[in-house]
Amino acid sequence: MKISARNVIKGKVKKVTTGAVNDEVIIEISGGNEIVSIITKNSAERLELAPGKEVYAIIKASNVMIGGD
């Protein structure tokens, strides 16, 4: 898999919550941290997402906002 995005994080699917149109996918990454993504139900089915499957979270954004107290 070759892509242009620089932020590629490997993990395993922890949970898929299926909705009417979109699915929520929780990916467990190193250190027990999690990344949550909302994708179309069709994409989740096409990728055959299920708990335990190794996947990549691919983050491509032109802006990253940071806040603090």
PDB file of N, CA and C in Angstrom:
ATOM      1  N   MET A   1       0.843  -1.165   0.000  1.00  0.00           N
ATOM      2  CA  MET A   1       0.000   0.000   0.000  1.00  0.00           C
ATOM      3  C   MET A   1       0.893   1.233   0.000  1.00  0.00           C
ATOM      4  N   LYS A   2       0.805   2.051  -1.024  1.00  0.00           N
ATOM      5  CA  LYS A   2       1.528   3.307  -1.084  1.00  0.00           C
ATOM      6  C   LYS A   2       0.516   4.442  -1.143  1.00  0.00           C
ATOM      7  N   ILE A   3       0.701   5.418  -0.253  1.00  0.00           N
ATOM      8  CA  ILE A   3      -0.210   6.558  -0.211  1.00  0.00           C
ATOM      9  C   ILE A   3       0.585   7.829   0.038  1.00  0.00           C
ATOM     10  N   SER A   4      -0.036   8.965  -0.187  1.00  0.00           N
ATOM     11  CA  SER A   4       0.659  10.239  -0.011  1.00  0.00           C
ATOM     12  C   SER A   4       0.590  10.768   1.420  1.00  0.00           C
ATOM     13  N   ALA A   5      -0.331  10.286   2.218  1.00  0.00           N
ATOM     14  CA  ALA A   5      -0.476  10.774   3.592  1.00  0.00           C
ATOM     15  C   ALA A   5       0.750  10.401   4.419  1.00  0.00           C
ATOM     16  N   ARG A   6       1.182  11.313   5.259  1.00  0.00           N
ATOM     17  CA  ARG A   6       2.369  11.053   6.087  1.00  0.00           C
ATOM     18  C   ARG A   6       2.038  10.420   7.423  1.00  0.00           C
ATOM     19  N   ASN A   7       0.828  10.594   7.882  1.00  0.00           N
ATOM     20  CA  ASN A   7       0.438  10.088   9.189  1.00  0.00           C
ATOM     21  C   ASN A   7      -0.311   8.772   9.040  1.00  0.00           C
ATOM     22  N   VAL A   8       0.424   7.676   9.105  1.00  0.00           N
ATOM     23  CA  VAL A   8      -0.141   6.333   8.980  1.00  0.00           C
ATOM     24  C   VAL A   8       0.177   5.589  10.273  1.00  0.00           C
ATOM     25  N   ILE A   9      -0.874   5.153  10.963  1.00  0.00           N
ATOM     26  CA  ILE A   9      -0.707   4.513  12.263  1.00  0.00           C
ATOM     27  C   ILE A   9      -1.308   3.115  12.206  1.00  0.00           C
ATOM     28  N   LYS A  10      -0.480   2.111  12.489  1.00  0.00           N
ATOM     29  CA  LYS A  10      -0.931   0.721  12.453  1.00  0.00           C
ATOM     30  C   LYS A  10      -1.617   0.361  13.770  1.00  0.00           C
ATOM     31  N   GLY A  11      -2.678  -0.416  13.667  1.00  0.00           N
ATOM     32  CA  GLY A  11      -3.384  -0.861  14.860  1.00  0.00           C
ATOM     33  C   GLY A  11      -4.281  -2.032  14.542  1.00  0.00           C
ATOM     34  N   LYS A  12      -5.119  -2.391  15.508  1.00  0.00           N
ATOM     35  CA  LYS A  12      -6.082  -3.473  15.333  1.00  0.00           C
ATOM     36  C   LYS A  12      -7.472  -2.954  15.649  1.00  0.00           C
ATOM     37  N   VAL A  13      -8.435  -3.430  14.872  1.00  0.00           N
ATOM     38  CA  VAL A  13      -9.819  -3.048  15.130  1.00  0.00           C
ATOM     39  C   VAL A  13     -10.218  -3.603  16.495  1.00  0.00           C
ATOM     40  N   LYS A  14     -10.718  -2.713  17.344  1.00  0.00           N
ATOM     41  CA  LYS A  14     -11.186  -3.122  18.660  1.00  0.00           C
ATOM     42  C   LYS A  14     -12.691  -3.356  18.644  1.00  0.00           C
ATOM     43  N   LYS A  15     -13.412  -2.464  17.938  1.00  0.00           N
ATOM     44  CA  LYS A  15     -14.868  -2.569  17.927  1.00  0.00           C
ATOM     45  C   LYS A  15     -15.421  -1.862  16.696  1.00  0.00           C
ATOM     46  N   VAL A  16     -16.471  -2.415  16.118  1.00  0.00           N
ATOM     47  CA  VAL A  16     -17.206  -1.776  15.021  1.00  0.00           C
ATOM     48  C   VAL A  16     -18.660  -1.662  15.462  1.00  0.00           C
ATOM     49  N   THR A  17     -19.156  -0.436  15.504  1.00  0.00           N
ATOM     50  CA  THR A  17     -20.559  -0.204  15.833  1.00  0.00           C
ATOM     51  C   THR A  17     -21.273   0.185  14.551  1.00  0.00           C
ATOM     52  N   THR A  18     -22.180  -0.663  14.120  1.00  0.00           N
ATOM     53  CA  THR A  18     -22.862  -0.473  12.845  1.00  0.00           C
ATOM     54  C   THR A  18     -24.072   0.430  13.013  1.00  0.00           C
ATOM     55  N   GLY A  19     -24.164   1.402  12.115  1.00  0.00           N
ATOM     56  CA  GLY A  19     -25.321   2.296  12.079  1.00  0.00           C
ATOM     57  C   GLY A  19     -26.084   2.104  10.792  1.00  0.00           C
ATOM     58  N   ALA A  20     -27.102   2.922  10.578  1.00  0.00           N
ATOM     59  CA  ALA A  20     -27.926   2.815   9.378  1.00  0.00           C
ATOM     60  C   ALA A  20     -27.142   3.190   8.126  1.00  0.00           C
ATOM     61  N   VAL A  21     -26.286   4.211   8.242  1.00  0.00           N
ATOM     62  CA  VAL A  21     -25.514   4.701   7.093  1.00  0.00           C
ATOM     63  C   VAL A  21     -24.018   4.607   7.342  1.00  0.00           C
ATOM     64  N   ASN A  22     -23.583   4.974   8.552  1.00  0.00           N
ATOM     65  CA  ASN A  22     -22.163   4.999   8.911  1.00  0.00           C
ATOM     66  C   ASN A  22     -21.867   4.007  10.022  1.00  0.00           C
ATOM     67  N   ASP A  23     -20.618   3.586  10.086  1.00  0.00           N
ATOM     68  CA  ASP A  23     -20.134   2.727  11.172  1.00  0.00           C
ATOM     69  C   ASP A  23     -19.064   3.467  11.956  1.00  0.00           C
ATOM     70  N   GLU A  24     -19.043   3.250  13.267  1.00  0.00           N
ATOM     71  CA  GLU A  24     -17.978   3.790  14.112  1.00  0.00           C
ATOM     72  C   GLU A  24     -16.961   2.678  14.315  1.00  0.00           C
ATOM     73  N   VAL A  25     -15.709   2.970  14.007  1.00  0.00           N
ATOM     74  CA  VAL A  25     -14.645   1.976  14.118  1.00  0.00           C
ATOM     75  C   VAL A  25     -13.643   2.455  15.164  1.00  0.00           C
ATOM     76  N   ILE A  26     -13.398   1.625  16.162  1.00  0.00           N
ATOM     77  CA  ILE A  26     -12.398   1.932  17.178  1.00  0.00           C
ATOM     78  C   ILE A  26     -11.178   1.075  16.880  1.00  0.00           C
ATOM     79  N   ILE A  27     -10.030   1.760  16.707  1.00  0.00           N
ATOM     80  CA  ILE A  27      -8.768   1.084  16.423  1.00  0.00           C
ATOM     81  C   ILE A  27      -7.866   1.240  17.641  1.00  0.00           C
ATOM     82  N   GLU A  28      -7.361   0.126  18.139  1.00  0.00           N
ATOM     83  CA  GLU A  28      -6.416   0.171  19.254  1.00  0.00           C
ATOM     84  C   GLU A  28      -5.009   0.236  18.691  1.00  0.00           C
ATOM     85  N   ILE A  29      -4.263   1.262  19.134  1.00  0.00           N
ATOM     86  CA  ILE A  29      -2.893   1.435  18.671  1.00  0.00           C
ATOM     87  C   ILE A  29      -1.946   1.201  19.841  1.00  0.00           C
ATOM     88  N   SER A  30      -0.661   1.396  19.623  1.00  0.00           N
ATOM     89  CA  SER A  30       0.336   1.090  20.650  1.00  0.00           C
ATOM     90  C   SER A  30       0.048   1.838  21.950  1.00  0.00           C
ATOM     91  N   GLY A  31       0.416   1.204  23.027  1.00  0.00           N
ATOM     92  CA  GLY A  31       0.231   1.797  24.346  1.00  0.00           C
ATOM     93  C   GLY A  31      -1.198   1.747  24.834  1.00  0.00           C
ATOM     94  N   GLY A  32      -2.066   1.012  24.139  1.00  0.00           N
ATOM     95  CA  GLY A  32      -3.465   0.920  24.540  1.00  0.00           C
ATOM     96  C   GLY A  32      -4.295   2.128  24.139  1.00  0.00           C
ATOM     97  N   ASN A  33      -3.711   3.049  23.395  1.00  0.00           N
ATOM     98  CA  ASN A  33      -4.458   4.217  22.925  1.00  0.00           C
ATOM     99  C   ASN A  33      -5.411   3.807  21.820  1.00  0.00           C
ATOM    100  N   GLU A  34      -6.426   4.659  21.592  1.00  0.00           N
ATOM    101  CA  GLU A  34      -7.431   4.357  20.586  1.00  0.00           C
ATOM    102  C   GLU A  34      -7.630   5.521  19.630  1.00  0.00           C
ATOM    103  N   ILE A  35      -7.952   5.185  18.409  1.00  0.00           N
ATOM    104  CA  ILE A  35      -8.361   6.152  17.395  1.00  0.00           C
ATOM    105  C   ILE A  35      -9.760   5.737  16.974  1.00  0.00           C
ATOM    106  N   VAL A  36     -10.672   6.712  16.919  1.00  0.00           N
ATOM    107  CA  VAL A  36     -12.049   6.434  16.519  1.00  0.00           C
ATOM    108  C   VAL A  36     -12.316   7.109  15.183  1.00  0.00           C
ATOM    109  N   SER A  37     -12.930   6.381  14.271  1.00  0.00           N
ATOM    110  CA  SER A  37     -13.248   6.912  12.954  1.00  0.00           C
ATOM    111  C   SER A  37     -14.678   6.553  12.585  1.00  0.00           C
ATOM    112  N   ILE A  38     -15.339   7.487  11.915  1.00  0.00           N
ATOM    113  CA  ILE A  38     -16.665   7.231  11.371  1.00  0.00           C
ATOM    114  C   ILE A  38     -16.505   7.079   9.863  1.00  0.00           C
ATOM    115  N   ILE A  39     -16.877   5.914   9.343  1.00  0.00           N
ATOM    116  CA  ILE A  39     -16.779   5.663   7.905  1.00  0.00           C
ATOM    117  C   ILE A  39     -18.117   5.128   7.414  1.00  0.00           C
ATOM    118  N   THR A  40     -18.305   5.119   6.116  1.00  0.00           N
ATOM    119  CA  THR A  40     -19.563   4.594   5.596  1.00  0.00           C
ATOM    120  C   THR A  40     -19.676   3.101   5.877  1.00  0.00           C
ATOM    121  N   LYS A  41     -20.903   2.678   6.021  1.00  0.00           N
ATOM    122  CA  LYS A  41     -21.169   1.257   6.247  1.00  0.00           C
ATOM    123  C   LYS A  41     -20.627   0.433   5.078  1.00  0.00           C
ATOM    124  N   ASN A  42     -20.784   0.954   3.876  1.00  0.00           N
ATOM    125  CA  ASN A  42     -20.297   0.272   2.681  1.00  0.00           C
ATOM    126  C   ASN A  42     -18.781   0.079   2.743  1.00  0.00           C
ATOM    127  N   SER A  43     -18.047   1.100   3.184  1.00  0.00           N
ATOM    128  CA  SER A  43     -16.581   0.986   3.288  1.00  0.00           C
ATOM    129  C   SER A  43     -16.184  -0.045   4.331  1.00  0.00           C
ATOM    130  N   ALA A  44     -16.868  -0.055   5.472  1.00  0.00           N
ATOM    131  CA  ALA A  44     -16.557  -1.029   6.522  1.00  0.00           C
ATOM    132  C   ALA A  44     -16.777  -2.451   6.014  1.00  0.00           C
ATOM    133  N   GLU A  45     -17.841  -2.651   5.257  1.00  0.00           N
ATOM    134  CA  GLU A  45     -18.120  -3.972   4.707  1.00  0.00           C
ATOM    135  C   GLU A  45     -17.074  -4.359   3.658  1.00  0.00           C
ATOM    136  N   ARG A  46     -16.725  -3.399   2.791  1.00  0.00           N
ATOM    137  CA  ARG A  46     -15.744  -3.670   1.734  1.00  0.00           C
ATOM    138  C   ARG A  46     -14.377  -4.027   2.327  1.00  0.00           C
ATOM    139  N   LEU A  47     -14.017  -3.361   3.439  1.00  0.00           N
ATOM    140  CA  LEU A  47     -12.739  -3.629   4.104  1.00  0.00           C
ATOM    141  C   LEU A  47     -12.804  -4.850   5.029  1.00  0.00           C
ATOM    142  N   GLU A  48     -14.005  -5.407   5.168  1.00  0.00           N
ATOM    143  CA  GLU A  48     -14.220  -6.575   6.035  1.00  0.00           C
ATOM    144  C   GLU A  48     -13.704  -6.321   7.446  1.00  0.00           C
ATOM    145  N   LEU A  49     -14.081  -5.163   7.992  1.00  0.00           N
ATOM    146  CA  LEU A  49     -13.611  -4.790   9.322  1.00  0.00           C
ATOM    147  C   LEU A  49     -14.304  -5.621  10.394  1.00  0.00           C
ATOM    148  N   ALA A  50     -13.498  -6.132  11.308  1.00  0.00           N
ATOM    149  CA  ALA A  50     -13.984  -6.939  12.423  1.00  0.00           C
ATOM    150  C   ALA A  50     -12.934  -6.864  13.524  1.00  0.00           C
ATOM    151  N   PRO A  51     -13.356  -7.036  14.780  1.00  0.00           N
ATOM    152  CA  PRO A  51     -12.391  -7.010  15.880  1.00  0.00           C
ATOM    153  C   PRO A  51     -11.211  -7.946  15.631  1.00  0.00           C
ATOM    154  N   GLY A  52     -10.010  -7.426  15.902  1.00  0.00           N
ATOM    155  CA  GLY A  52      -8.786  -8.206  15.746  1.00  0.00           C
ATOM    156  C   GLY A  52      -8.088  -8.010  14.416  1.00  0.00           C
ATOM    157  N   LYS A  53      -8.786  -7.442  13.420  1.00  0.00           N
ATOM    158  CA  LYS A  53      -8.169  -7.262  12.109  1.00  0.00           C
ATOM    159  C   LYS A  53      -7.153  -6.128  12.160  1.00  0.00           C
ATOM    160  N   GLU A  54      -5.963  -6.368  11.612  1.00  0.00           N
ATOM    161  CA  GLU A  54      -4.937  -5.327  11.544  1.00  0.00           C
ATOM    162  C   GLU A  54      -5.293  -4.345  10.429  1.00  0.00           C
ATOM    163  N   VAL A  55      -5.224  -3.053  10.774  1.00  0.00           N
ATOM    164  CA  VAL A  55      -5.580  -1.987   9.839  1.00  0.00           C
ATOM    165  C   VAL A  55      -4.625  -0.809  10.031  1.00  0.00           C
ATOM    166  N   TYR A  56      -4.772   0.177   9.190  1.00  0.00           N
ATOM    167  CA  TYR A  56      -4.012   1.414   9.304  1.00  0.00           C
ATOM    168  C   TYR A  56      -4.973   2.578   9.423  1.00  0.00           C
ATOM    169  N   ALA A  57      -4.732   3.456  10.391  1.00  0.00           N
ATOM    170  CA  ALA A  57      -5.441   4.727  10.475  1.00  0.00           C
ATOM    171  C   ALA A  57      -4.613   5.706   9.654  1.00  0.00           C
ATOM    172  N   ILE A  58      -5.213   6.277   8.642  1.00  0.00           N
ATOM    173  CA  ILE A  58      -4.512   7.185   7.741  1.00  0.00           C
ATOM    174  C   ILE A  58      -5.105   8.572   7.937  1.00  0.00           C
ATOM    175  N   ILE A  59      -4.269   9.488   8.419  1.00  0.00           N
ATOM    176  CA  ILE A  59      -4.739  10.828   8.758  1.00  0.00           C
ATOM    177  C   ILE A  59      -4.144  11.816   7.776  1.00  0.00           C
ATOM    178  N   LYS A  60      -5.006  12.463   7.031  1.00  0.00           N
ATOM    179  CA  LYS A  60      -4.556  13.461   6.058  1.00  0.00           C
ATOM    180  C   LYS A  60      -5.372  14.720   6.303  1.00  0.00           C
ATOM    181  N   ALA A  61      -4.709  15.753   6.762  1.00  0.00           N
ATOM    182  CA  ALA A  61      -5.392  17.016   7.041  1.00  0.00           C
ATOM    183  C   ALA A  61      -4.458  18.174   6.757  1.00  0.00           C
ATOM    184  N   SER A  62      -5.016  19.239   6.252  1.00  0.00           N
ATOM    185  CA  SER A  62      -4.190  20.405   5.993  1.00  0.00           C
ATOM    186  C   SER A  62      -4.019  21.267   7.238  1.00  0.00           C
ATOM    187  N   ASN A  63      -4.888  21.074   8.233  1.00  0.00           N
ATOM    188  CA  ASN A  63      -4.803  21.837   9.472  1.00  0.00           C
ATOM    189  C   ASN A  63      -4.942  20.902  10.674  1.00  0.00           C
ATOM    190  N   VAL A  64      -4.170  21.177  11.693  1.00  0.00           N
ATOM    191  CA  VAL A  64      -4.309  20.482  12.963  1.00  0.00           C
ATOM    192  C   VAL A  64      -4.471  21.552  14.024  1.00  0.00           C
ATOM    193  N   MET A  65      -5.600  21.528  14.719  1.00  0.00           N
ATOM    194  CA  MET A  65      -5.856  22.536  15.751  1.00  0.00           C
ATOM    195  C   MET A  65      -5.376  22.012  17.094  1.00  0.00           C
ATOM    196  N   ILE A  66      -4.787  22.870  17.876  1.00  0.00           N
ATOM    197  CA  ILE A  66      -4.285  22.513  19.210  1.00  0.00           C
ATOM    198  C   ILE A  66      -4.848  23.516  20.195  1.00  0.00           C
ATOM    199  N   GLY A  67      -5.307  23.022  21.334  1.00  0.00           N
ATOM    200  CA  GLY A  67      -5.840  23.900  22.375  1.00  0.00           C
ATOM    201  C   GLY A  67      -5.178  23.594  23.710  1.00  0.00           C
ATOM    202  N   GLY A  68      -5.275  24.504  24.595  1.00  0.00           N
ATOM    203  CA  GLY A  68      -4.691  24.305  25.927  1.00  0.00           C
ATOM    204  C   GLY A  68      -5.356  25.234  26.924  1.00  0.00           C
ATOM    205  N   ASP A  69      -5.149  24.940  28.188  1.00  0.00           N
ATOM    206  CA  ASP A  69      -5.708  25.781  29.264  1.00  0.00           C
ATOM    207  C   ASP A  69      -4.729  26.858  29.658  1.00  0.00           C
TER     208      ASP A  69
END
